[in-house]
Amino acid sequence: MAGGLARSRDVAATATRELLRDLPSRDQIDIKAGARLLVLVLSCTVEDTIGVDLASTTMVRLRVPWHDGALPDLAAFDVVEATLAEDPERDDTAQPEAVTLHELPRLVGSLRGGVVRRRLKRLQAPQDGPLFGFRGPSAPYWELRGDRPSVALIVPQRGPQLLRRRDDGTTWVRFGWERDDVWLALEDRHAIRALDAARRDRMSGKELAVALGFKPRYLLTALSRPVDGHCYKLCVGILPRS
């Protein structure tokens, strides 16, 4: 049974690589109504699915019409085909990478290895100032102009460390970025389950790598939609090298 599952995954990975070879490259994302995107998923939540448009190697936030019969279930490094809505709604100044989908994305396979490593390395955010261009945990929605990314793939200088706050049960990730000691609310389901399974309030280093099943390399950070007029910095994914 296990051998059959492994062979099925190998076949799916090969088919996905062949699909990628036939994909025309673009300088920027195709945002026409009804356009079909091939996207490498990095994180998936109810709010949005963040990934890499494989044709242009740019970040995209897919606003998926999830419903009761289909909850967010995509995993990091899944590859999906996504069809844009008649009105992609590409006008959110807080989340300029966001596009609205016509329907649920179709899972076509997954990618690992060098093809993922090369793309993630190109997308790694430079350490040229505070995360998202401002200090502190949030920014007023009305101050955002859509001229800065709302998603950043970063390699922390220190950490990461996962922490559970006992007073409200929330999970946070702590890490070093530039000269800042950054704490972000965590929305990575896999990492939260790993902390739950370990029955610990905090984990880092080798212990965290064992719990996750991989050595953390990247943190996928993002700005939330407005909450009481403010957009908050979040960590939506803890990722390996590939």
C-alpha atoms as a PDB file:
ATOM      1  CA  MET A   1       0.000   0.000   0.000  1.00  0.00           C
ATOM      2  CA  ALA A   2       2.735   2.454   0.974  1.00  0.00           C
ATOM      3  CA  GLY A   3       4.725   1.574  -2.136  1.00  0.00           C
ATOM      4  CA  GLY A   4       1.694   2.213  -4.336  1.00  0.00           C
ATOM      5  CA  LEU A   5       1.122   5.612  -2.721  1.00  0.00           C
ATOM      6  CA  ALA A   6       4.779   6.555  -3.254  1.00  0.00           C
ATOM      7  CA  ARG A   7       4.575   5.551  -6.924  1.00  0.00           C
ATOM      8  CA  SER A   8       1.387   7.607  -7.357  1.00  0.00           C
ATOM      9  CA  ARG A   9       3.127  10.650  -5.892  1.00  0.00           C
ATOM     10  CA  ASP A  10       6.129  10.124  -8.167  1.00  0.00           C
ATOM     11  CA  VAL A  11       3.848   9.946 -11.224  1.00  0.00           C
ATOM     12  CA  ALA A  12       2.013  13.103 -10.128  1.00  0.00           C
ATOM     13  CA  ALA A  13       5.305  14.946  -9.564  1.00  0.00           C
ATOM     14  CA  THR A  14       6.586  13.939 -12.994  1.00  0.00           C
ATOM     15  CA  ALA A  15       3.343  15.069 -14.665  1.00  0.00           C
ATOM     16  CA  THR A  16       3.537  18.414 -12.844  1.00  0.00           C
ATOM     17  CA  ARG A  17       7.116  18.998 -14.009  1.00  0.00           C
ATOM     18  CA  GLU A  18       6.080  18.243 -17.593  1.00  0.00           C
ATOM     19  CA  LEU A  19       3.216  20.717 -17.261  1.00  0.00           C
ATOM     20  CA  LEU A  20       5.651  23.317 -15.960  1.00  0.00           C
ATOM     21  CA  ARG A  21       8.014  22.784 -18.922  1.00  0.00           C
ATOM     22  CA  ASP A  22       5.156  23.547 -21.325  1.00  0.00           C
ATOM     23  CA  LEU A  23       4.082  26.667 -19.420  1.00  0.00           C
ATOM     24  CA  PRO A  24       4.840  29.923 -21.293  1.00  0.00           C
ATOM     25  CA  SER A  25       6.818  32.416 -19.212  1.00  0.00           C
ATOM     26  CA  ARG A  26       5.502  35.917 -18.497  1.00  0.00           C
ATOM     27  CA  ASP A  27       6.980  39.113 -17.120  1.00  0.00           C
ATOM     28  CA  GLN A  28       3.918  39.638 -14.922  1.00  0.00           C
ATOM     29  CA  ILE A  29       0.831  37.796 -13.787  1.00  0.00           C
ATOM     30  CA  ASP A  30      -2.064  37.411 -16.233  1.00  0.00           C
ATOM     31  CA  ILE A  31      -5.057  39.087 -14.555  1.00  0.00           C
ATOM     32  CA  LYS A  32      -7.605  39.026 -17.367  1.00  0.00           C
ATOM     33  CA  ALA A  33     -11.104  37.814 -16.537  1.00  0.00           C
ATOM     34  CA  GLY A  34     -11.190  34.021 -16.848  1.00  0.00           C
ATOM     35  CA  ALA A  35      -7.399  33.699 -17.028  1.00  0.00           C
ATOM     36  CA  ARG A  36      -5.977  30.387 -15.804  1.00  0.00           C
ATOM     37  CA  LEU A  37      -2.992  30.466 -13.486  1.00  0.00           C
ATOM     38  CA  LEU A  38      -0.726  27.622 -12.450  1.00  0.00           C
ATOM     39  CA  VAL A  39       0.170  28.335  -8.826  1.00  0.00           C
ATOM     40  CA  LEU A  40       2.638  26.768  -6.404  1.00  0.00           C
ATOM     41  CA  VAL A  41       0.882  26.930  -3.023  1.00  0.00           C
ATOM     42  CA  LEU A  42       2.843  28.203  -0.018  1.00  0.00           C
ATOM     43  CA  SER A  43      -0.009  28.591   2.476  1.00  0.00           C
ATOM     44  CA  CYS A  44      -3.769  28.092   2.555  1.00  0.00           C
ATOM     45  CA  THR A  45      -6.266  29.687   4.928  1.00  0.00           C
ATOM     46  CA  VAL A  46      -9.916  30.706   4.761  1.00  0.00           C
ATOM     47  CA  GLU A  47      -8.842  34.289   4.036  1.00  0.00           C
ATOM     48  CA  ASP A  48      -6.662  33.450   1.067  1.00  0.00           C
ATOM     49  CA  THR A  49      -4.280  30.989  -0.552  1.00  0.00           C
ATOM     50  CA  ILE A  50      -0.837  32.495  -1.030  1.00  0.00           C
ATOM     51  CA  GLY A  51       1.458  31.087  -3.663  1.00  0.00           C
ATOM     52  CA  VAL A  52       3.728  31.655  -6.630  1.00  0.00           C
ATOM     53  CA  ASP A  53       2.355  32.199 -10.126  1.00  0.00           C
ATOM     54  CA  LEU A  54       4.650  29.775 -11.946  1.00  0.00           C
ATOM     55  CA  ALA A  55       4.453  31.559 -15.303  1.00  0.00           C
ATOM     56  CA  SER A  56       5.808  34.841 -13.926  1.00  0.00           C
ATOM     57  CA  THR A  57       7.407  33.727 -10.613  1.00  0.00           C
ATOM     58  CA  THR A  58       5.498  36.411  -8.737  1.00  0.00           C
ATOM     59  CA  MET A  59       3.541  36.170  -5.497  1.00  0.00           C
ATOM     60  CA  VAL A  60      -0.242  35.975  -5.688  1.00  0.00           C
ATOM     61  CA  ARG A  61      -3.013  35.892  -3.098  1.00  0.00           C
ATOM     62  CA  LEU A  62      -5.933  33.790  -4.326  1.00  0.00           C
ATOM     63  CA  ARG A  63      -9.290  34.663  -2.809  1.00  0.00           C
ATOM     64  CA  VAL A  64     -11.025  31.317  -3.022  1.00  0.00           C
ATOM     65  CA  PRO A  65     -14.826  30.866  -2.756  1.00  0.00           C
ATOM     66  CA  TRP A  66     -14.608  28.156  -0.079  1.00  0.00           C
ATOM     67  CA  HIS A  67     -17.943  26.773   1.126  1.00  0.00           C
ATOM     68  CA  ASP A  68     -19.153  24.365   3.813  1.00  0.00           C
ATOM     69  CA  GLY A  69     -18.482  21.314   1.647  1.00  0.00           C
ATOM     70  CA  ALA A  70     -14.939  22.399   0.751  1.00  0.00           C
ATOM     71  CA  LEU A  71     -12.780  23.907   3.452  1.00  0.00           C
ATOM     72  CA  PRO A  72      -9.163  25.050   2.926  1.00  0.00           C
ATOM     73  CA  ASP A  73      -7.128  21.856   2.544  1.00  0.00           C
ATOM     74  CA  LEU A  74      -4.166  22.705   0.305  1.00  0.00           C
ATOM     75  CA  ALA A  75      -0.631  22.112   1.574  1.00  0.00           C
ATOM     76  CA  ALA A  76       2.680  23.827   0.946  1.00  0.00           C
ATOM     77  CA  PHE A  77       4.154  22.944  -2.472  1.00  0.00           C
ATOM     78  CA  ASP A  78       0.868  21.712  -3.923  1.00  0.00           C
ATOM     79  CA  VAL A  79       0.351  22.950  -7.483  1.00  0.00           C
ATOM     80  CA  VAL A  80      -3.120  24.146  -8.467  1.00  0.00           C
ATOM     81  CA  GLU A  81      -4.821  25.491 -11.548  1.00  0.00           C
ATOM     82  CA  ALA A  82      -6.821  28.599 -10.655  1.00  0.00           C
ATOM     83  CA  THR A  83      -9.360  30.365 -12.871  1.00  0.00           C
ATOM     84  CA  LEU A  84      -9.895  34.071 -12.249  1.00  0.00           C
ATOM     85  CA  ALA A  85     -13.389  35.475 -11.769  1.00  0.00           C
ATOM     86  CA  GLU A  86     -15.055  37.759 -14.331  1.00  0.00           C
ATOM     87  CA  ASP A  87     -14.004  40.580 -12.020  1.00  0.00           C
ATOM     88  CA  PRO A  88     -10.651  39.583 -10.461  1.00  0.00           C
ATOM     89  CA  GLU A  89     -10.967  42.552  -8.030  1.00  0.00           C
ATOM     90  CA  ARG A  90      -7.317  43.517  -8.360  1.00  0.00           C
ATOM     91  CA  ASP A  91      -7.761  46.820  -6.552  1.00  0.00           C
ATOM     92  CA  ASP A  92      -7.091  46.200  -2.850  1.00  0.00           C
ATOM     93  CA  THR A  93      -4.510  48.759  -1.727  1.00  0.00           C
ATOM     94  CA  ALA A  94      -3.729  46.692   1.394  1.00  0.00           C
ATOM     95  CA  GLN A  95      -3.227  43.446  -0.552  1.00  0.00           C
ATOM     96  CA  PRO A  96      -2.144  44.380  -4.108  1.00  0.00           C
ATOM     97  CA  GLU A  97      -1.317  40.735  -4.951  1.00  0.00           C
ATOM     98  CA  ALA A  98      -4.916  39.579  -4.330  1.00  0.00           C
ATOM     99  CA  VAL A  99      -7.136  38.197  -7.109  1.00  0.00           C
ATOM    100  CA  THR A 100     -10.582  36.616  -6.823  1.00  0.00           C
ATOM    101  CA  LEU A 101     -11.229  33.151  -8.267  1.00  0.00           C
ATOM    102  CA  HIS A 102     -14.256  31.994 -10.232  1.00  0.00           C
ATOM    103  CA  GLU A 103     -14.298  28.579  -8.524  1.00  0.00           C
ATOM    104  CA  LEU A 104     -12.275  26.316  -6.273  1.00  0.00           C
ATOM    105  CA  PRO A 105      -8.713  25.734  -7.531  1.00  0.00           C
ATOM    106  CA  ARG A 106      -7.990  22.356  -9.108  1.00  0.00           C
ATOM    107  CA  LEU A 107      -5.140  20.342  -7.581  1.00  0.00           C
ATOM    108  CA  VAL A 108      -2.837  19.090 -10.345  1.00  0.00           C
ATOM    109  CA  GLY A 109       0.138  17.784  -8.350  1.00  0.00           C
ATOM    110  CA  SER A 110       3.045  18.983  -6.247  1.00  0.00           C
ATOM    111  CA  LEU A 111       6.629  20.148  -6.663  1.00  0.00           C
ATOM    112  CA  ARG A 112       9.765  19.662  -4.567  1.00  0.00           C
ATOM    113  CA  GLY A 113      13.504  19.898  -4.970  1.00  0.00           C
ATOM    114  CA  GLY A 114      15.534  22.270  -7.098  1.00  0.00           C
ATOM    115  CA  VAL A 115      12.628  23.688  -9.083  1.00  0.00           C
ATOM    116  CA  VAL A 116      11.102  24.980  -5.828  1.00  0.00           C
ATOM    117  CA  ARG A 117      14.408  26.053  -4.245  1.00  0.00           C
ATOM    118  CA  ARG A 118      15.299  28.265  -7.211  1.00  0.00           C
ATOM    119  CA  ARG A 119      11.968  30.058  -7.165  1.00  0.00           C
ATOM    120  CA  LEU A 120      11.918  30.589  -3.406  1.00  0.00           C
ATOM    121  CA  LYS A 121      15.453  31.954  -3.456  1.00  0.00           C
ATOM    122  CA  ARG A 122      14.457  34.537  -6.076  1.00  0.00           C
ATOM    123  CA  LEU A 123      11.449  35.564  -3.977  1.00  0.00           C
ATOM    124  CA  GLN A 124      13.352  35.928  -0.685  1.00  0.00           C
ATOM    125  CA  ALA A 125      12.738  39.416   0.706  1.00  0.00           C
ATOM    126  CA  PRO A 126      15.836  41.589   1.207  1.00  0.00           C
ATOM    127  CA  GLN A 127      16.701  42.814   4.671  1.00  0.00           C
ATOM    128  CA  ASP A 128      16.402  46.493   3.841  1.00  0.00           C
ATOM    129  CA  GLY A 129      14.275  47.841   6.650  1.00  0.00           C
ATOM    130  CA  PRO A 130      11.349  46.905   8.884  1.00  0.00           C
ATOM    131  CA  LEU A 131       8.991  44.179   7.675  1.00  0.00           C
ATOM    132  CA  PHE A 132       6.451  45.626   5.175  1.00  0.00           C
ATOM    133  CA  GLY A 133       8.069  49.028   5.525  1.00  0.00           C
ATOM    134  CA  PHE A 134       6.704  49.944   8.946  1.00  0.00           C
ATOM    135  CA  ARG A 135       7.497  49.108  12.542  1.00  0.00           C
ATOM    136  CA  GLY A 136       4.971  47.715  14.958  1.00  0.00           C
ATOM    137  CA  PRO A 137       2.324  45.011  14.527  1.00  0.00           C
ATOM    138  CA  SER A 138      -0.113  46.847  12.232  1.00  0.00           C
ATOM    139  CA  ALA A 139      -0.803  49.797   9.952  1.00  0.00           C
ATOM    140  CA  PRO A 140      -4.007  51.780   9.368  1.00  0.00           C
ATOM    141  CA  TYR A 141      -5.775  50.550   6.241  1.00  0.00           C
ATOM    142  CA  TRP A 142      -6.225  54.083   4.898  1.00  0.00           C
ATOM    143  CA  GLU A 143      -2.454  54.655   4.932  1.00  0.00           C
ATOM    144  CA  LEU A 144      -1.748  51.727   2.580  1.00  0.00           C
ATOM    145  CA  ARG A 145      -1.442  52.726  -1.080  1.00  0.00           C
ATOM    146  CA  GLY A 146      -0.835  49.413  -2.843  1.00  0.00           C
ATOM    147  CA  ASP A 147       2.752  50.398  -3.665  1.00  0.00           C
ATOM    148  CA  ARG A 148       4.309  47.849  -1.293  1.00  0.00           C
ATOM    149  CA  PRO A 149       3.967  44.049  -1.208  1.00  0.00           C
ATOM    150  CA  SER A 150       1.607  42.570   1.368  1.00  0.00           C
ATOM    151  CA  VAL A 151       3.455  39.227   1.298  1.00  0.00           C
ATOM    152  CA  ALA A 152       7.087  38.613   2.222  1.00  0.00           C
ATOM    153  CA  LEU A 153       9.060  35.374   2.165  1.00  0.00           C
ATOM    154  CA  ILE A 154      11.841  35.882   4.675  1.00  0.00           C
ATOM    155  CA  VAL A 155      14.807  34.040   6.119  1.00  0.00           C
ATOM    156  CA  PRO A 156      14.952  35.031   9.798  1.00  0.00           C
ATOM    157  CA  GLN A 157      18.275  36.107  11.246  1.00  0.00           C
ATOM    158  CA  ARG A 158      17.420  34.472  14.562  1.00  0.00           C
ATOM    159  CA  GLY A 159      14.896  31.766  15.377  1.00  0.00           C
ATOM    160  CA  PRO A 160      12.157  30.941  14.715  1.00  0.00           C
ATOM    161  CA  GLN A 161      10.620  30.084  18.068  1.00  0.00           C
ATOM    162  CA  LEU A 162       6.990  29.028  18.513  1.00  0.00           C
ATOM    163  CA  LEU A 163       5.138  30.195  21.617  1.00  0.00           C
ATOM    164  CA  ARG A 164       1.686  29.548  23.042  1.00  0.00           C
ATOM    165  CA  ARG A 165       0.086  32.294  25.100  1.00  0.00           C
ATOM    166  CA  ARG A 166      -1.770  30.656  27.963  1.00  0.00           C
ATOM    167  CA  ASP A 167      -4.063  33.606  28.634  1.00  0.00           C
ATOM    168  CA  ASP A 168      -5.845  33.376  25.254  1.00  0.00           C
ATOM    169  CA  GLY A 169      -4.504  30.158  23.658  1.00  0.00           C
ATOM    170  CA  THR A 170      -3.067  31.949  20.620  1.00  0.00           C
ATOM    171  CA  THR A 171       0.137  30.751  18.939  1.00  0.00           C
ATOM    172  CA  TRP A 172       2.946  33.109  17.958  1.00  0.00           C
ATOM    173  CA  VAL A 173       6.256  32.909  16.146  1.00  0.00           C
ATOM    174  CA  ARG A 174       9.225  34.917  17.379  1.00  0.00           C
ATOM    175  CA  PHE A 175      12.256  35.686  15.214  1.00  0.00           C
ATOM    176  CA  GLY A 176      14.929  38.240  14.448  1.00  0.00           C
ATOM    177  CA  TRP A 177      14.594  40.523  11.404  1.00  0.00           C
ATOM    178  CA  GLU A 178      16.947  43.426  10.812  1.00  0.00           C
ATOM    179  CA  ARG A 179      17.458  44.807  14.336  1.00  0.00           C
ATOM    180  CA  ASP A 180      13.940  43.918  15.450  1.00  0.00           C
ATOM    181  CA  ASP A 181      12.720  41.188  17.773  1.00  0.00           C
ATOM    182  CA  VAL A 182       9.526  40.294  15.886  1.00  0.00           C
ATOM    183  CA  TRP A 183       6.460  38.515  17.289  1.00  0.00           C
ATOM    184  CA  LEU A 184       3.725  37.557  14.814  1.00  0.00           C
ATOM    185  CA  ALA A 185       0.465  35.674  15.307  1.00  0.00           C
ATOM    186  CA  LEU A 186       0.807  32.268  13.609  1.00  0.00           C
ATOM    187  CA  GLU A 187      -1.788  30.896  11.172  1.00  0.00           C
ATOM    188  CA  ASP A 188       0.095  27.819   9.930  1.00  0.00           C
ATOM    189  CA  ARG A 189      -2.126  24.806  10.737  1.00  0.00           C
ATOM    190  CA  HIS A 190       0.727  22.283  10.491  1.00  0.00           C
ATOM    191  CA  ALA A 191       2.986  24.232  12.883  1.00  0.00           C
ATOM    192  CA  ILE A 192       0.160  24.805  15.370  1.00  0.00           C
ATOM    193  CA  ARG A 193      -0.668  21.079  15.367  1.00  0.00           C
ATOM    194  CA  ALA A 194       3.024  20.271  15.914  1.00  0.00           C
ATOM    195  CA  LEU A 195       3.073  22.441  19.037  1.00  0.00           C
ATOM    196  CA  ASP A 196      -0.179  20.859  20.237  1.00  0.00           C
ATOM    197  CA  ALA A 197       1.160  17.329  19.679  1.00  0.00           C
ATOM    198  CA  ALA A 198       4.340  18.095  21.627  1.00  0.00           C
ATOM    199  CA  ARG A 199       2.249  19.468  24.525  1.00  0.00           C
ATOM    200  CA  ARG A 200       4.655  22.371  24.831  1.00  0.00           C
ATOM    201  CA  ASP A 201       4.164  26.115  25.202  1.00  0.00           C
ATOM    202  CA  ARG A 202       7.344  26.922  23.304  1.00  0.00           C
ATOM    203  CA  MET A 203       9.710  25.213  20.889  1.00  0.00           C
ATOM    204  CA  SER A 204      12.731  26.187  18.820  1.00  0.00           C
ATOM    205  CA  GLY A 205      15.899  24.765  17.277  1.00  0.00           C
ATOM    206  CA  LYS A 206      16.273  21.022  16.836  1.00  0.00           C
ATOM    207  CA  GLU A 207      13.173  20.292  18.915  1.00  0.00           C
ATOM    208  CA  LEU A 208      11.061  22.403  16.552  1.00  0.00           C
ATOM    209  CA  ALA A 209      12.595  20.786  13.474  1.00  0.00           C
ATOM    210  CA  VAL A 210      11.740  17.319  14.798  1.00  0.00           C
ATOM    211  CA  ALA A 211       8.157  18.362  15.612  1.00  0.00           C
ATOM    212  CA  LEU A 212       7.642  19.919  12.166  1.00  0.00           C
ATOM    213  CA  GLY A 213       9.376  17.115  10.298  1.00  0.00           C
ATOM    214  CA  PHE A 214      11.775  19.542   8.609  1.00  0.00           C
ATOM    215  CA  LYS A 215      14.283  22.269   9.413  1.00  0.00           C
ATOM    216  CA  PRO A 216      12.581  25.672   9.109  1.00  0.00           C
ATOM    217  CA  ARG A 217      14.121  27.832   6.404  1.00  0.00           C
ATOM    218  CA  TYR A 218      11.517  30.406   5.395  1.00  0.00           C
ATOM    219  CA  LEU A 219       8.747  32.294   7.142  1.00  0.00           C
ATOM    220  CA  LEU A 220       5.875  33.357   4.898  1.00  0.00           C
ATOM    221  CA  THR A 221       4.553  36.616   6.315  1.00  0.00           C
ATOM    222  CA  ALA A 222       1.531  38.613   5.165  1.00  0.00           C
ATOM    223  CA  LEU A 223      -0.693  41.566   5.980  1.00  0.00           C
ATOM    224  CA  SER A 224      -4.216  40.690   7.047  1.00  0.00           C
ATOM    225  CA  ARG A 225      -7.410  42.202   5.746  1.00  0.00           C
ATOM    226  CA  PRO A 226      -8.549  45.194   7.831  1.00  0.00           C
ATOM    227  CA  VAL A 227      -9.608  44.458  11.403  1.00  0.00           C
ATOM    228  CA  ASP A 228     -11.106  47.522  13.107  1.00  0.00           C
ATOM    229  CA  GLY A 229      -9.429  49.634  10.447  1.00  0.00           C
ATOM    230  CA  HIS A 230      -5.940  48.130  10.787  1.00  0.00           C
ATOM    231  CA  CYS A 231      -4.029  45.497   8.769  1.00  0.00           C
ATOM    232  CA  TYR A 232      -1.909  43.218  10.943  1.00  0.00           C
ATOM    233  CA  LYS A 233       1.350  41.423  10.260  1.00  0.00           C
ATOM    234  CA  LEU A 234       0.895  37.632  10.360  1.00  0.00           C
ATOM    235  CA  CYS A 235       2.994  34.539   9.831  1.00  0.00           C
ATOM    236  CA  VAL A 236       0.945  32.259   7.581  1.00  0.00           C
ATOM    237  CA  GLY A 237       3.548  29.615   6.858  1.00  0.00           C
ATOM    238  CA  ILE A 238       6.747  28.024   8.156  1.00  0.00           C
ATOM    239  CA  LEU A 239       8.487  26.371   5.225  1.00  0.00           C
ATOM    240  CA  PRO A 240      11.485  24.140   4.603  1.00  0.00           C
ATOM    241  CA  ARG A 241      14.095  24.891   1.950  1.00  0.00           C
ATOM    242  CA  SER A 242      11.883  22.929  -0.487  1.00  0.00           C
END
